[in-house]
Structures are given as C-alpha cells and as structure tokens.
Amino acid sequence: MTSDEVAAGAAEFDVRAGLLGIDVPADLKDGVVRGYLGLRAMSELLRGVETGRTETSEGRETADG
C-alpha cells in the first residue's frame, strides 16, 4: 500500500468517523486507518465470491438448484 493510498484512506476514514462522532486518538490513528483499509479490501473480495444464492425481487435470498 502506497503512502498516497494510506493518505486517501485516512481522509476517507476521517470523514466517515466524523459523521459518526468518533474521535480516534492520534497515537492509534495509523493502525486504525490501516485496519479500516484492510477491512475494505476484504469486503471488496467477498463481494466477488459466488455463494450459490440469488436474491428475489422482494429482497429475499434463495438457494440455487
């Protein structure tokens, strides 16, 4: 992860945390931001996993096959 990516992630985190009223101590911020970016990357990977389930037009999930 480049320093530019971390800086952009820190700015995004600051906005989202600010909207929720969360104040992260400065000495913990680097680790929290890197954890946040790691979770975002993992969730992006999980969105691409084929689960064998489909969503109906009503928003319910059903098993395929």
PDB file of N, CA and C in Angstrom:
ATOM      1  N   MET A   1       0.853  -1.164   0.000  1.00  0.00           N
ATOM      2  CA  MET A   1       0.000   0.000   0.000  1.00  0.00           C
ATOM      3  C   MET A   1       0.907   1.238   0.000  1.00  0.00           C
ATOM      4  N   THR A   2       0.650   2.118  -0.946  1.00  0.00           N
ATOM      5  CA  THR A   2       1.485   3.313  -1.057  1.00  0.00           C
ATOM      6  C   THR A   2       1.071   4.362  -0.036  1.00  0.00           C
ATOM      7  N   SER A   3       1.949   5.311   0.183  1.00  0.00           N
ATOM      8  CA  SER A   3       1.620   6.377   1.129  1.00  0.00           C
ATOM      9  C   SER A   3       0.460   7.232   0.629  1.00  0.00           C
ATOM     10  N   ASP A   4       0.324   7.351  -0.695  1.00  0.00           N
ATOM     11  CA  ASP A   4      -0.822   8.086  -1.252  1.00  0.00           C
ATOM     12  C   ASP A   4      -2.138   7.364  -0.952  1.00  0.00           C
ATOM     13  N   GLU A   5      -2.130   6.027  -1.061  1.00  0.00           N
ATOM     14  CA  GLU A   5      -3.331   5.246  -0.756  1.00  0.00           C
ATOM     15  C   GLU A   5      -3.696   5.356   0.719  1.00  0.00           C
ATOM     16  N   VAL A   6      -2.682   5.328   1.575  1.00  0.00           N
ATOM     17  CA  VAL A   6      -2.927   5.456   3.012  1.00  0.00           C
ATOM     18  C   VAL A   6      -3.465   6.850   3.326  1.00  0.00           C
ATOM     19  N   ALA A   7      -2.897   7.881   2.686  1.00  0.00           N
ATOM     20  CA  ALA A   7      -3.359   9.256   2.920  1.00  0.00           C
ATOM     21  C   ALA A   7      -4.803   9.422   2.469  1.00  0.00           C
ATOM     22  N   ALA A   8      -5.142   8.862   1.298  1.00  0.00           N
ATOM     23  CA  ALA A   8      -6.521   8.937   0.812  1.00  0.00           C
ATOM     24  C   ALA A   8      -7.451   8.157   1.737  1.00  0.00           C
ATOM     25  N   GLY A   9      -7.006   6.992   2.201  1.00  0.00           N
ATOM     26  CA  GLY A   9      -7.810   6.203   3.133  1.00  0.00           C
ATOM     27  C   GLY A   9      -8.004   6.913   4.462  1.00  0.00           C
ATOM     28  N   ALA A  10      -6.970   7.612   4.913  1.00  0.00           N
ATOM     29  CA  ALA A  10      -7.075   8.361   6.170  1.00  0.00           C
ATOM     30  C   ALA A  10      -8.080   9.496   6.029  1.00  0.00           C
ATOM     31  N   ALA A  11      -8.070  10.163   4.883  1.00  0.00           N
ATOM     32  CA  ALA A  11      -9.027  11.250   4.654  1.00  0.00           C
ATOM     33  C   ALA A  11     -10.453  10.701   4.622  1.00  0.00           C
ATOM     34  N   GLU A  12     -10.641   9.573   3.944  1.00  0.00           N
ATOM     35  CA  GLU A  12     -11.968   8.949   3.895  1.00  0.00           C
ATOM     36  C   GLU A  12     -12.413   8.518   5.294  1.00  0.00           C
ATOM     37  N   PHE A  13     -11.498   7.906   6.026  1.00  0.00           N
ATOM     38  CA  PHE A  13     -11.820   7.474   7.386  1.00  0.00           C
ATOM     39  C   PHE A  13     -12.206   8.661   8.256  1.00  0.00           C
ATOM     40  N   ASP A  14     -11.461   9.768   8.143  1.00  0.00           N
ATOM     41  CA  ASP A  14     -11.764  10.968   8.928  1.00  0.00           C
ATOM     42  C   ASP A  14     -13.183  11.471   8.667  1.00  0.00           C
ATOM     43  N   VAL A  15     -13.578  11.472   7.405  1.00  0.00           N
ATOM     44  CA  VAL A  15     -14.929  11.921   7.050  1.00  0.00           C
ATOM     45  C   VAL A  15     -15.969  11.000   7.666  1.00  0.00           C
ATOM     46  N   ARG A  16     -15.795   9.699   7.477  1.00  0.00           N
ATOM     47  CA  ARG A  16     -16.783   8.738   7.986  1.00  0.00           C
ATOM     48  C   ARG A  16     -16.828   8.727   9.517  1.00  0.00           C
ATOM     49  N   ALA A  17     -15.671   8.774  10.147  1.00  0.00           N
ATOM     50  CA  ALA A  17     -15.636   8.799  11.607  1.00  0.00           C
ATOM     51  C   ALA A  17     -16.248  10.097  12.134  1.00  0.00           C
ATOM     52  N   GLY A  18     -15.976  11.204  11.447  1.00  0.00           N
ATOM     53  CA  GLY A  18     -16.552  12.484  11.849  1.00  0.00           C
ATOM     54  C   GLY A  18     -18.064  12.485  11.774  1.00  0.00           C
ATOM     55  N   LEU A  19     -18.613  11.850  10.728  1.00  0.00           N
ATOM     56  CA  LEU A  19     -20.070  11.775  10.596  1.00  0.00           C
ATOM     57  C   LEU A  19     -20.699  10.988  11.743  1.00  0.00           C
ATOM     58  N   LEU A  20     -19.937  10.039  12.282  1.00  0.00           N
ATOM     59  CA  LEU A  20     -20.429   9.218  13.390  1.00  0.00           C
ATOM     60  C   LEU A  20     -20.034   9.766  14.757  1.00  0.00           C
ATOM     61  N   GLY A  21     -19.270  10.865  14.758  1.00  0.00           N
ATOM     62  CA  GLY A  21     -18.844  11.462  16.020  1.00  0.00           C
ATOM     63  C   GLY A  21     -17.739  10.679  16.715  1.00  0.00           C
ATOM     64  N   ILE A  22     -16.942   9.946  15.949  1.00  0.00           N
ATOM     65  CA  ILE A  22     -15.860   9.142  16.518  1.00  0.00           C
ATOM     66  C   ILE A  22     -14.560   9.926  16.451  1.00  0.00           C
ATOM     67  N   ASP A  23     -13.876  10.014  17.576  1.00  0.00           N
ATOM     68  CA  ASP A  23     -12.590  10.700  17.651  1.00  0.00           C
ATOM     69  C   ASP A  23     -11.519   9.675  18.006  1.00  0.00           C
ATOM     70  N   VAL A  24     -10.637   9.381  17.048  1.00  0.00           N
ATOM     71  CA  VAL A  24      -9.584   8.389  17.260  1.00  0.00           C
ATOM     72  C   VAL A  24      -8.334   9.102  17.770  1.00  0.00           C
ATOM     73  N   PRO A  25      -7.760   8.650  18.881  1.00  0.00           N
ATOM     74  CA  PRO A  25      -6.525   9.267  19.379  1.00  0.00           C
ATOM     75  C   PRO A  25      -5.415   9.222  18.334  1.00  0.00           C
ATOM     76  N   ALA A  26      -4.631  10.276  18.262  1.00  0.00           N
ATOM     77  CA  ALA A  26      -3.586  10.411  17.248  1.00  0.00           C
ATOM     78  C   ALA A  26      -2.591   9.257  17.280  1.00  0.00           C
ATOM     79  N   ASP A  27      -2.263   8.762  18.472  1.00  0.00           N
ATOM     80  CA  ASP A  27      -1.276   7.681  18.555  1.00  0.00           C
ATOM     81  C   ASP A  27      -1.812   6.340  18.054  1.00  0.00           C
ATOM     82  N   LEU A  28      -3.117   6.210  17.878  1.00  0.00           N
ATOM     83  CA  LEU A  28      -3.719   4.971  17.395  1.00  0.00           C
ATOM     84  C   LEU A  28      -4.203   5.065  15.946  1.00  0.00           C
ATOM     85  N   LYS A  29      -4.225   6.276  15.417  1.00  0.00           N
ATOM     86  CA  LYS A  29      -4.869   6.517  14.137  1.00  0.00           C
ATOM     87  C   LYS A  29      -4.253   5.718  12.989  1.00  0.00           C
ATOM     88  N   ASP A  30      -2.941   5.632  12.898  1.00  0.00           N
ATOM     89  CA  ASP A  30      -2.304   4.916  11.793  1.00  0.00           C
ATOM     90  C   ASP A  30      -2.756   3.461  11.753  1.00  0.00           C
ATOM     91  N   GLY A  31      -2.765   2.809  12.893  1.00  0.00           N
ATOM     92  CA  GLY A  31      -3.199   1.413  12.947  1.00  0.00           C
ATOM     93  C   GLY A  31      -4.670   1.248  12.648  1.00  0.00           C
ATOM     94  N   VAL A  32      -5.487   2.175  13.130  1.00  0.00           N
ATOM     95  CA  VAL A  32      -6.925   2.107  12.878  1.00  0.00           C
ATOM     96  C   VAL A  32      -7.202   2.306  11.386  1.00  0.00           C
ATOM     97  N   VAL A  33      -6.532   3.265  10.771  1.00  0.00           N
ATOM     98  CA  VAL A  33      -6.731   3.522   9.341  1.00  0.00           C
ATOM     99  C   VAL A  33      -6.288   2.319   8.519  1.00  0.00           C
ATOM    100  N   ARG A  34      -5.150   1.735   8.847  1.00  0.00           N
ATOM    101  CA  ARG A  34      -4.690   0.556   8.098  1.00  0.00           C
ATOM    102  C   ARG A  34      -5.653  -0.621   8.281  1.00  0.00           C
ATOM    103  N   GLY A  35      -6.195  -0.774   9.477  1.00  0.00           N
ATOM    104  CA  GLY A  35      -7.203  -1.809   9.706  1.00  0.00           C
ATOM    105  C   GLY A  35      -8.465  -1.544   8.904  1.00  0.00           C
ATOM    106  N   TYR A  36      -8.889  -0.295   8.868  1.00  0.00           N
ATOM    107  CA  TYR A  36     -10.059   0.108   8.088  1.00  0.00           C
ATOM    108  C   TYR A  36      -9.846  -0.214   6.607  1.00  0.00           C
ATOM    109  N   LEU A  37      -8.668   0.130   6.086  1.00  0.00           N
ATOM    110  CA  LEU A  37      -8.378  -0.135   4.682  1.00  0.00           C
ATOM    111  C   LEU A  37      -8.312  -1.631   4.402  1.00  0.00           C
ATOM    112  N   GLY A  38      -7.773  -2.403   5.336  1.00  0.00           N
ATOM    113  CA  GLY A  38      -7.735  -3.850   5.181  1.00  0.00           C
ATOM    114  C   GLY A  38      -9.122  -4.459   5.148  1.00  0.00           C
ATOM    115  N   LEU A  39     -10.004  -3.982   6.009  1.00  0.00           N
ATOM    116  CA  LEU A  39     -11.383  -4.489   6.021  1.00  0.00           C
ATOM    117  C   LEU A  39     -12.121  -4.122   4.743  1.00  0.00           C
ATOM    118  N   ARG A  40     -11.864  -2.923   4.240  1.00  0.00           N
ATOM    119  CA  ARG A  40     -12.486  -2.515   2.963  1.00  0.00           C
ATOM    120  C   ARG A  40     -12.024  -3.430   1.838  1.00  0.00           C
ATOM    121  N   ALA A  41     -10.731  -3.744   1.812  1.00  0.00           N
ATOM    122  CA  ALA A  41     -10.199  -4.627   0.764  1.00  0.00           C
ATOM    123  C   ALA A  41     -10.799  -6.026   0.874  1.00  0.00           C
ATOM    124  N   MET A  42     -10.919  -6.548   2.112  1.00  0.00           N
ATOM    125  CA  MET A  42     -11.502  -7.875   2.300  1.00  0.00           C
ATOM    126  C   MET A  42     -12.970  -7.900   1.891  1.00  0.00           C
ATOM    127  N   SER A  43     -13.721  -6.873   2.242  1.00  0.00           N
ATOM    128  CA  SER A  43     -15.142  -6.845   1.885  1.00  0.00           C
ATOM    129  C   SER A  43     -15.319  -6.759   0.379  1.00  0.00           C
ATOM    130  N   GLU A  44     -14.420  -6.066  -0.296  1.00  0.00           N
ATOM    131  CA  GLU A  44     -14.467  -5.999  -1.755  1.00  0.00           C
ATOM    132  C   GLU A  44     -14.238  -7.379  -2.358  1.00  0.00           C
ATOM    133  N   LEU A  45     -13.302  -8.139  -1.804  1.00  0.00           N
ATOM    134  CA  LEU A  45     -13.061  -9.503  -2.273  1.00  0.00           C
ATOM    135  C   LEU A  45     -14.269 -10.403  -2.029  1.00  0.00           C
ATOM    136  N   LEU A  46     -14.887 -10.256  -0.870  1.00  0.00           N
ATOM    137  CA  LEU A  46     -16.037 -11.098  -0.536  1.00  0.00           C
ATOM    138  C   LEU A  46     -17.233 -10.808  -1.432  1.00  0.00           C
ATOM    139  N   ARG A  47     -17.376  -9.587  -1.889  1.00  0.00           N
ATOM    140  CA  ARG A  47     -18.478  -9.264  -2.795  1.00  0.00           C
ATOM    141  C   ARG A  47     -18.359 -10.026  -4.113  1.00  0.00           C
ATOM    142  N   GLY A  48     -17.167 -10.447  -4.463  1.00  0.00           N
ATOM    143  CA  GLY A  48     -16.958 -11.168  -5.706  1.00  0.00           C
ATOM    144  C   GLY A  48     -17.081 -12.676  -5.580  1.00  0.00           C
ATOM    145  N   VAL A  49     -17.322 -13.185  -4.382  1.00  0.00           N
ATOM    146  CA  VAL A  49     -17.408 -14.626  -4.166  1.00  0.00           C
ATOM    147  C   VAL A  49     -18.790 -15.131  -4.577  1.00  0.00           C
ATOM    148  N   GLU A  50     -18.798 -16.210  -5.351  1.00  0.00           N
ATOM    149  CA  GLU A  50     -20.053 -16.834  -5.759  1.00  0.00           C
ATOM    150  C   GLU A  50     -20.558 -17.694  -4.610  1.00  0.00           C
ATOM    151  N   THR A  51     -21.745 -17.388  -4.094  1.00  0.00           N
ATOM    152  CA  THR A  51     -22.268 -18.102  -2.925  1.00  0.00           C
ATOM    153  C   THR A  51     -23.297 -19.166  -3.272  1.00  0.00           C
ATOM    154  N   GLY A  52     -23.776 -19.180  -4.515  1.00  0.00           N
ATOM    155  CA  GLY A  52     -24.811 -20.149  -4.872  1.00  0.00           C
ATOM    156  C   GLY A  52     -26.182 -19.716  -4.411  1.00  0.00           C
ATOM    157  N   ARG A  53     -26.310 -18.462  -4.038  1.00  0.00           N
ATOM    158  CA  ARG A  53     -27.601 -17.938  -3.596  1.00  0.00           C
ATOM    159  C   ARG A  53     -27.967 -16.770  -4.498  1.00  0.00           C
ATOM    160  N   THR A  54     -29.259 -16.598  -4.707  1.00  0.00           N
ATOM    161  CA  THR A  54     -29.735 -15.472  -5.505  1.00  0.00           C
ATOM    162  C   THR A  54     -30.722 -14.666  -4.686  1.00  0.00           C
ATOM    163  N   GLU A  55     -30.896 -13.435  -5.077  1.00  0.00           N
ATOM    164  CA  GLU A  55     -31.832 -12.558  -4.383  1.00  0.00           C
ATOM    165  C   GLU A  55     -33.083 -12.405  -5.234  1.00  0.00           C
ATOM    166  N   THR A  56     -34.251 -12.560  -4.600  1.00  0.00           N
ATOM    167  CA  THR A  56     -35.510 -12.403  -5.313  1.00  0.00           C
ATOM    168  C   THR A  56     -35.823 -10.923  -5.468  1.00  0.00           C
ATOM    169  N   SER A  57     -36.833 -10.611  -6.255  1.00  0.00           N
ATOM    170  CA  SER A  57     -37.224  -9.213  -6.446  1.00  0.00           C
ATOM    171  C   SER A  57     -37.732  -8.588  -5.145  1.00  0.00           C
ATOM    172  N   GLU A  58     -38.159  -9.446  -4.196  1.00  0.00           N
ATOM    173  CA  GLU A  58     -38.614  -8.939  -2.893  1.00  0.00           C
ATOM    174  C   GLU A  58     -37.453  -8.734  -1.916  1.00  0.00           C
ATOM    175  N   GLY A  59     -36.226  -9.059  -2.348  1.00  0.00           N
ATOM    176  CA  GLY A  59     -35.063  -8.864  -1.497  1.00  0.00           C
ATOM    177  C   GLY A  59     -34.690 -10.065  -0.647  1.00  0.00           C
ATOM    178  N   ARG A  60     -35.433 -11.190  -0.809  1.00  0.00           N
ATOM    179  CA  ARG A  60     -35.092 -12.395  -0.045  1.00  0.00           C
ATOM    180  C   ARG A  60     -34.077 -13.207  -0.801  1.00  0.00           C
ATOM    181  N   GLU A  61     -33.254 -13.954  -0.078  1.00  0.00           N
ATOM    182  CA  GLU A  61     -32.285 -14.845  -0.716  1.00  0.00           C
ATOM    183  C   GLU A  61     -32.865 -16.255  -0.803  1.00  0.00           C
ATOM    184  N   THR A  62     -32.582 -16.918  -1.924  1.00  0.00           N
ATOM    185  CA  THR A  62     -32.986 -18.302  -2.084  1.00  0.00           C
ATOM    186  C   THR A  62     -31.796 -19.107  -2.582  1.00  0.00           C
ATOM    187  N   ALA A  63     -31.780 -20.404  -2.244  1.00  0.00           N
ATOM    188  CA  ALA A  63     -30.695 -21.275  -2.698  1.00  0.00           C
ATOM    189  C   ALA A  63     -30.924 -21.628  -4.159  1.00  0.00           C
ATOM    190  N   ASP A  64     -29.870 -21.615  -4.950  1.00  0.00           N
ATOM    191  CA  ASP A  64     -29.953 -22.032  -6.341  1.00  0.00           C
ATOM    192  C   ASP A  64     -29.911 -23.542  -6.419  1.00  0.00           C
ATOM    193  N   GLY A  65     -30.641 -24.093  -7.380  1.00  0.00           N
ATOM    194  CA  GLY A  65     -30.564 -25.518  -7.666  1.00  0.00           C
ATOM    195  C   GLY A  65     -31.308 -26.312  -6.708  1.00  0.00           C
TER     196      GLY A  65
END
